[in-house]
């Protein structure tokens, strides 16, 4: 049976939905194992076992986060050889794609990014042209590296869980020799809102908010929603780039997606068109977003959103 290695960087106190998706895909391809970096809580280790992980690989060094991605790629390459893995799965984040590229060079492996599904024979379904088409690709190298878009499948636990074995992977001495070191970090203030990638409800603002995300934030807070944004809004500096949804941002698939002041260009659609219900608010009745919206409101978001917020508060008493 094929050995599949899933890379989870800093699992944290609870596994993200995207990590569970990777494990679900790994089980369909063969025998899953997890290579992680950072602290591993007991309940997280148990969850990894419940989703089929047979082994947990940890690096011999505990300072990988003090560097940029180079040492992580070196560690993962060593883990692949230790596990005798033929498939590596990682997130499709900017850092995940860079690690995958470096890993491909180190192992001479084929790398496929923007993957949304994987067949049992290793054929990857890849989202292209801003989600307008899906192509298939398969690496012909002994090891293949796939970066998988979040919210592509529904995570499912294994029929029978396991107690995964812990294995330490020795890091090559040269791993950190020529790597850039992180000299300082600043703590990001916690918003108290759900994580954008896993949120069930998202309220997103675009160019139409004209720098004022107040109505978007107020509606999000009464709904217990996460806040997203178009690239135009993040590039303008109105909100951080971590909120960007779209082809060059995050892919989300919430139960409810409220789009406010976003035209719905193809790049934006690529990140949110799989939402279960899409509600669009825009002054321009010809905006492309209305083509994919389940409900459309032609109006000024600065009037529509506060009215919606007030009505929700009223009904909740």
Protein backbone atom coordinates (compact mmCIF):
# COMPACT_ATOMS: atom_id res chain seq x y z
CA UNK A 1 0.00 0.00 0.00
CA UNK A 2 1.25 3.47 -0.89
CA UNK A 3 2.59 5.64 1.92
CA UNK A 4 1.08 9.14 1.99
CA UNK A 5 2.66 11.91 4.06
CA UNK A 6 0.53 14.86 5.16
CA UNK A 7 2.40 17.99 6.27
CA UNK A 8 0.70 20.01 9.04
CA UNK A 9 2.68 23.04 10.14
CA UNK A 10 1.95 24.03 13.75
CA UNK A 11 -1.29 22.06 14.36
CA UNK A 12 -2.23 24.25 17.35
CA UNK A 13 -4.73 23.30 20.06
CA UNK A 14 -7.29 22.07 17.52
CA UNK A 15 -6.95 20.78 13.98
CA UNK A 16 -8.18 22.98 11.17
CA UNK A 17 -10.79 21.63 8.78
CA UNK A 18 -8.25 21.84 5.96
CA UNK A 19 -5.94 19.45 7.85
CA UNK A 20 -8.76 16.94 8.25
CA UNK A 21 -9.46 17.23 4.52
CA UNK A 22 -5.85 16.34 3.75
CA UNK A 23 -6.05 13.25 5.97
CA UNK A 24 -9.32 12.18 4.35
CA UNK A 25 -7.71 12.40 0.91
CA UNK A 26 -4.59 10.60 2.18
CA UNK A 27 -6.66 7.62 3.36
CA UNK A 28 -8.15 7.24 -0.11
CA UNK A 29 -4.64 6.99 -1.59
CA UNK A 30 -3.00 4.63 0.87
CA UNK A 31 -1.58 4.57 4.38
CA UNK A 32 -1.51 8.07 5.89
CA UNK A 33 1.18 9.52 8.12
CA UNK A 34 1.62 13.07 9.40
CA UNK A 35 4.75 15.21 9.46
CA UNK A 36 4.23 18.16 11.77
CA UNK A 37 6.17 21.06 13.16
CA UNK A 38 5.63 22.72 16.52
CA UNK A 39 3.82 21.56 19.64
CA UNK A 40 1.43 18.63 19.41
CA UNK A 41 -1.34 18.47 22.02
CA UNK A 42 -2.57 15.06 23.18
CA UNK A 43 -6.11 15.63 21.91
CA UNK A 44 -4.76 16.72 18.52
CA UNK A 45 -2.65 13.56 18.31
CA UNK A 46 -5.79 11.55 19.13
CA UNK A 47 -7.71 13.38 16.39
CA UNK A 48 -4.96 12.59 13.88
CA UNK A 49 -5.28 8.93 14.82
CA UNK A 50 -9.05 9.10 14.48
CA UNK A 51 -8.59 10.32 10.92
CA UNK A 52 -6.27 7.45 10.07
CA UNK A 53 -2.72 8.66 10.71
CA UNK A 54 -0.46 5.63 11.25
CA UNK A 55 2.63 7.57 12.32
CA UNK A 56 3.51 11.07 13.51
CA UNK A 57 6.84 12.49 12.37
CA UNK A 58 8.42 15.34 14.30
CA UNK A 59 11.69 17.20 13.55
CA UNK A 60 14.72 16.73 15.77
CA UNK A 61 15.05 20.54 15.97
CA UNK A 62 12.45 22.70 17.70
CA UNK A 63 13.45 26.03 16.17
CA UNK A 64 12.16 25.69 12.59
CA UNK A 65 9.77 28.58 13.14
CA UNK A 66 12.78 30.82 13.75
CA UNK A 67 13.54 30.60 10.03
CA UNK A 68 11.71 31.06 6.75
CA UNK A 69 10.48 28.01 4.85
CA UNK A 70 13.85 26.52 3.77
CA UNK A 71 14.47 24.37 6.86
CA UNK A 72 10.87 23.13 6.83
CA UNK A 73 11.35 21.88 3.28
CA UNK A 74 14.58 20.14 4.35
CA UNK A 75 12.79 18.50 7.28
CA UNK A 76 9.92 17.38 5.08
CA UNK A 77 12.34 15.90 2.54
CA UNK A 78 13.97 13.88 5.34
CA UNK A 79 10.51 12.81 6.59
CA UNK A 80 9.55 11.59 3.11
CA UNK A 81 12.64 9.39 2.98
CA UNK A 82 12.08 8.12 6.54
CA UNK A 83 8.44 7.29 5.85
CA UNK A 84 9.20 5.91 2.37
CA UNK A 85 6.30 8.05 1.15
CA UNK A 86 5.34 8.30 -2.51
CA UNK A 87 2.75 11.08 -2.12
CA UNK A 88 3.00 14.29 -0.09
CA UNK A 89 -0.04 16.44 0.66
CA UNK A 90 0.12 19.97 2.02
CA UNK A 91 -2.06 23.07 2.15
CA UNK A 92 -2.39 25.32 -0.88
CA UNK A 93 -1.37 28.41 1.12
CA UNK A 94 1.43 30.68 -0.09
CA UNK A 95 3.85 29.04 2.34
CA UNK A 96 2.55 25.56 1.52
CA UNK A 97 3.17 26.11 -2.19
CA UNK A 98 6.69 27.39 -1.56
CA UNK A 99 7.52 24.41 0.64
CA UNK A 100 6.11 22.11 -2.06
CA UNK A 101 8.29 23.75 -4.72
CA UNK A 102 11.43 23.44 -2.62
CA UNK A 103 10.54 19.85 -1.76
CA UNK A 104 10.07 19.06 -5.43
CA UNK A 105 13.58 20.28 -6.18
CA UNK A 106 15.12 18.35 -3.28
CA UNK A 107 13.43 15.06 -4.21
CA UNK A 108 13.13 15.47 -7.97
CA UNK A 109 9.38 15.14 -7.42
CA UNK A 110 6.51 16.30 -9.57
CA UNK A 111 4.55 19.15 -7.95
CA UNK A 112 0.87 19.89 -8.63
CA UNK A 113 -0.75 22.95 -7.03
CA UNK A 114 -4.36 24.16 -6.70
CA UNK A 115 -5.64 20.60 -6.34
CA UNK A 116 -9.35 20.18 -5.53
CA UNK A 117 -9.63 16.36 -5.68
CA UNK A 118 -7.41 13.29 -6.05
CA UNK A 119 -8.34 9.94 -7.61
CA UNK A 120 -7.20 6.65 -6.06
CA UNK A 121 -4.54 6.26 -8.74
CA UNK A 122 -3.01 9.62 -7.81
CA UNK A 123 -4.54 11.64 -10.63
CA UNK A 124 -5.07 15.17 -9.36
CA UNK A 125 -7.94 17.42 -10.38
CA UNK A 126 -6.58 20.94 -10.58
CA UNK A 127 -8.59 24.17 -10.58
CA UNK A 128 -7.43 26.55 -13.33
CA UNK A 129 -8.39 29.88 -14.88
CA UNK A 130 -9.89 31.24 -11.67
CA UNK A 131 -11.99 28.13 -11.10
CA UNK A 132 -13.63 28.24 -14.53
CA UNK A 133 -12.19 24.85 -15.49
CA UNK A 134 -10.86 21.73 -13.80
CA UNK A 135 -8.01 19.83 -15.43
CA UNK A 136 -6.40 16.52 -14.52
CA UNK A 137 -2.70 15.90 -14.01
CA UNK A 138 -0.57 13.07 -12.71
CA UNK A 139 3.08 13.14 -11.70
CA UNK A 140 5.25 10.49 -13.37
CA UNK A 141 8.04 10.78 -10.77
CA UNK A 142 8.53 8.29 -7.89
CA UNK A 143 7.28 10.96 -5.43
CA UNK A 144 4.47 13.41 -6.14
CA UNK A 145 3.75 16.56 -4.11
CA UNK A 146 0.22 17.97 -4.11
CA UNK A 147 -1.01 21.23 -2.57
CA UNK A 148 -4.73 20.97 -1.89
CA UNK A 149 -7.16 23.88 -1.78
CA UNK A 150 -9.12 24.17 1.46
CA UNK A 151 -12.85 23.40 1.46
CA UNK A 152 -12.50 21.02 -1.48
CA UNK A 153 -14.00 17.93 0.20
CA UNK A 154 -15.95 16.98 3.32
CA UNK A 155 -13.64 15.59 6.05
CA UNK A 156 -14.53 12.10 7.26
CA UNK A 157 -12.93 10.18 10.15
CA UNK A 158 -11.56 6.69 9.62
CA UNK A 159 -13.86 3.72 10.25
CA UNK A 160 -11.43 2.49 12.86
CA UNK A 161 -9.03 4.94 14.49
CA UNK A 162 -5.44 4.17 15.43
CA UNK A 163 -2.90 5.19 18.04
CA UNK A 164 -0.19 6.64 15.78
CA UNK A 165 3.45 5.94 16.52
CA UNK A 166 5.72 8.95 17.16
CA UNK A 167 8.93 9.09 15.11
CA UNK A 168 11.68 11.72 15.31
CA UNK A 169 13.24 12.78 12.00
CA UNK A 170 16.85 13.93 12.14
CA UNK A 171 17.26 17.28 10.43
CA UNK A 172 20.28 17.61 8.09
CA UNK A 173 23.05 19.76 9.56
CA UNK A 174 22.91 22.01 6.50
CA UNK A 175 19.16 22.69 6.84
CA UNK A 176 19.53 26.04 8.54
CA UNK A 177 23.02 26.99 7.35
CA UNK A 178 21.97 29.39 4.58
CA UNK A 179 18.41 30.13 5.69
CA UNK A 180 17.00 33.55 6.52
CA UNK A 181 16.21 33.87 10.21
CA UNK A 182 13.11 35.57 11.59
CA UNK A 183 14.35 38.32 13.90
CA UNK A 184 11.06 39.62 15.31
CA UNK A 185 7.32 38.96 15.37
CA UNK A 186 4.36 41.11 16.36
CA UNK A 187 1.28 39.51 17.87
CA UNK A 188 -1.89 39.97 15.87
CA UNK A 189 -4.83 41.16 17.96
CA UNK A 190 -7.53 38.51 18.25
CA UNK A 191 -10.84 39.60 16.70
CA UNK A 192 -12.97 36.97 18.40
CA UNK A 193 -14.48 36.09 15.02
CA UNK A 194 -14.34 32.63 13.39
CA UNK A 195 -11.41 31.64 11.20
CA UNK A 196 -12.16 32.67 7.63
CA UNK A 197 -11.32 29.31 6.03
CA UNK A 198 -13.62 27.33 8.36
CA UNK A 199 -16.43 29.86 8.94
CA UNK A 200 -20.04 28.80 8.36
CA UNK A 201 -21.06 32.40 7.64
CA UNK A 202 -18.95 35.06 5.91
CA UNK A 203 -19.67 38.73 5.26
CA UNK A 204 -17.27 40.13 2.65
CA UNK A 205 -16.67 43.70 1.52
CA UNK A 206 -15.12 45.04 -1.65
CA UNK A 207 -14.37 48.26 -3.46
CA UNK A 208 -17.88 49.48 -2.69
CA UNK A 209 -17.17 49.89 1.04
CA UNK A 210 -14.86 52.78 0.08
CA UNK A 211 -12.60 52.19 3.07
CA UNK A 212 -15.39 51.82 5.64
CA UNK A 213 -15.80 48.21 6.80
CA UNK A 214 -18.00 49.32 9.72
CA UNK A 215 -21.34 48.05 8.29
CA UNK A 216 -19.67 44.79 7.23
CA UNK A 217 -18.21 44.25 10.71
CA UNK A 218 -21.48 45.05 12.48
CA UNK A 219 -23.46 42.59 10.36
CA UNK A 220 -20.76 39.94 10.77
CA UNK A 221 -20.80 40.32 14.55
CA UNK A 222 -24.58 39.86 14.90
CA UNK A 223 -24.36 36.77 12.69
CA UNK A 224 -21.27 35.34 14.38
CA UNK A 225 -19.60 35.48 10.99
CA UNK A 226 -16.07 35.88 9.69
CA UNK A 227 -15.08 38.90 7.62
CA UNK A 228 -13.70 38.57 4.11
CA UNK A 229 -12.68 40.99 1.40
CA UNK A 230 -11.90 41.31 -2.28
CA UNK A 231 -8.39 41.94 -3.52
CA UNK A 232 -9.30 45.56 -4.31
CA UNK A 233 -10.13 46.17 -0.65
CA UNK A 234 -6.97 44.50 0.69
CA UNK A 235 -4.71 46.18 -1.87
CA UNK A 236 -6.18 49.54 -0.87
CA UNK A 237 -5.12 48.84 2.72
CA UNK A 238 -8.67 48.93 4.11
CA UNK A 239 -8.25 45.49 5.65
CA UNK A 240 -5.42 42.97 6.04
CA UNK A 241 -4.49 40.59 3.22
CA UNK A 242 -5.36 37.62 5.46
CA UNK A 243 -9.02 38.49 4.74
CA UNK A 244 -8.65 38.22 0.97
CA UNK A 245 -10.92 35.73 -0.78
CA UNK A 246 -10.36 34.74 -4.39
CA UNK A 247 -7.93 33.33 -6.90
CA UNK A 248 -4.91 34.81 -5.13
CA UNK A 249 -6.50 34.68 -1.67
CA UNK A 250 -8.35 32.07 0.34
CA UNK A 251 -10.90 29.58 -0.91
CA UNK A 252 -14.00 29.41 1.27
CA UNK A 253 -17.16 27.32 1.20
CA UNK A 254 -19.51 28.58 3.93
CA UNK A 255 -23.18 27.86 4.41
CA UNK A 256 -23.93 31.57 3.87
CA UNK A 257 -21.80 34.11 1.99
CA UNK A 258 -22.86 37.77 1.98
CA UNK A 259 -21.10 39.86 -0.64
CA UNK A 260 -21.25 43.63 -0.11
CA UNK A 261 -19.90 46.06 -2.66
CA UNK A 262 -18.03 43.39 -4.62
CA UNK A 263 -18.46 43.29 -8.40
CA UNK A 264 -17.87 39.54 -8.57
CA UNK A 265 -15.04 39.43 -11.09
CA UNK A 266 -13.87 35.95 -12.07
CA UNK A 267 -10.93 36.12 -9.64
CA UNK A 268 -13.31 36.65 -6.71
CA UNK A 269 -15.71 33.95 -7.84
CA UNK A 270 -12.87 31.43 -7.76
CA UNK A 271 -12.66 31.72 -3.99
CA UNK A 272 -16.33 31.60 -2.98
CA UNK A 273 -18.56 30.17 -5.68
CA UNK A 274 -19.04 26.86 -3.82
CA UNK A 275 -20.80 28.62 -0.91
CA UNK A 276 -24.18 27.00 -0.21
CA UNK A 277 -26.13 30.29 -0.27
CA UNK A 278 -24.80 33.52 -1.78
CA UNK A 279 -26.41 36.89 -1.04
CA UNK A 280 -25.11 39.84 -3.06
CA UNK A 281 -25.55 43.54 -2.30
CA UNK A 282 -24.43 45.97 -5.00
CA UNK A 283 -25.61 49.29 -6.44
CA UNK A 284 -24.86 48.13 -9.99
CA UNK A 285 -27.58 45.81 -11.23
CA UNK A 286 -25.23 44.61 -14.00
CA UNK A 287 -22.52 43.38 -11.60
CA UNK A 288 -21.30 39.86 -12.46
CA UNK A 289 -21.85 38.78 -8.84
CA UNK A 290 -25.59 38.60 -9.46
CA UNK A 291 -25.01 35.81 -11.99
CA UNK A 292 -24.00 33.40 -9.21
CA UNK A 293 -25.98 34.89 -6.32
CA UNK A 294 -28.95 32.99 -4.90
CA UNK A 295 -30.39 36.28 -3.64
CA UNK A 296 -29.49 39.71 -5.00
CA UNK A 297 -30.17 43.15 -3.56
CA UNK A 298 -29.62 46.14 -5.83
CA UNK A 299 -28.94 48.92 -3.36
CA UNK A 300 -26.46 50.93 -1.32
CA UNK A 301 -24.66 48.66 1.14
CA UNK A 302 -24.50 51.54 3.64
CA UNK A 303 -28.29 51.41 3.79
CA UNK A 304 -28.93 47.69 3.25
CA UNK A 305 -26.41 46.26 5.74
CA UNK A 306 -27.40 48.45 8.73
CA UNK A 307 -31.07 47.62 8.08
CA UNK A 308 -30.25 43.90 8.03
CA UNK A 309 -28.23 44.23 11.24
CA UNK A 310 -31.04 46.11 12.99
CA UNK A 311 -33.66 43.59 11.87
CA UNK A 312 -31.58 40.64 13.09
CA UNK A 313 -31.09 42.29 16.47
CA UNK A 314 -34.81 43.05 16.67
CA UNK A 315 -35.84 39.48 15.91
CA UNK A 316 -33.42 38.12 18.46
CA UNK A 317 -35.05 40.35 21.03
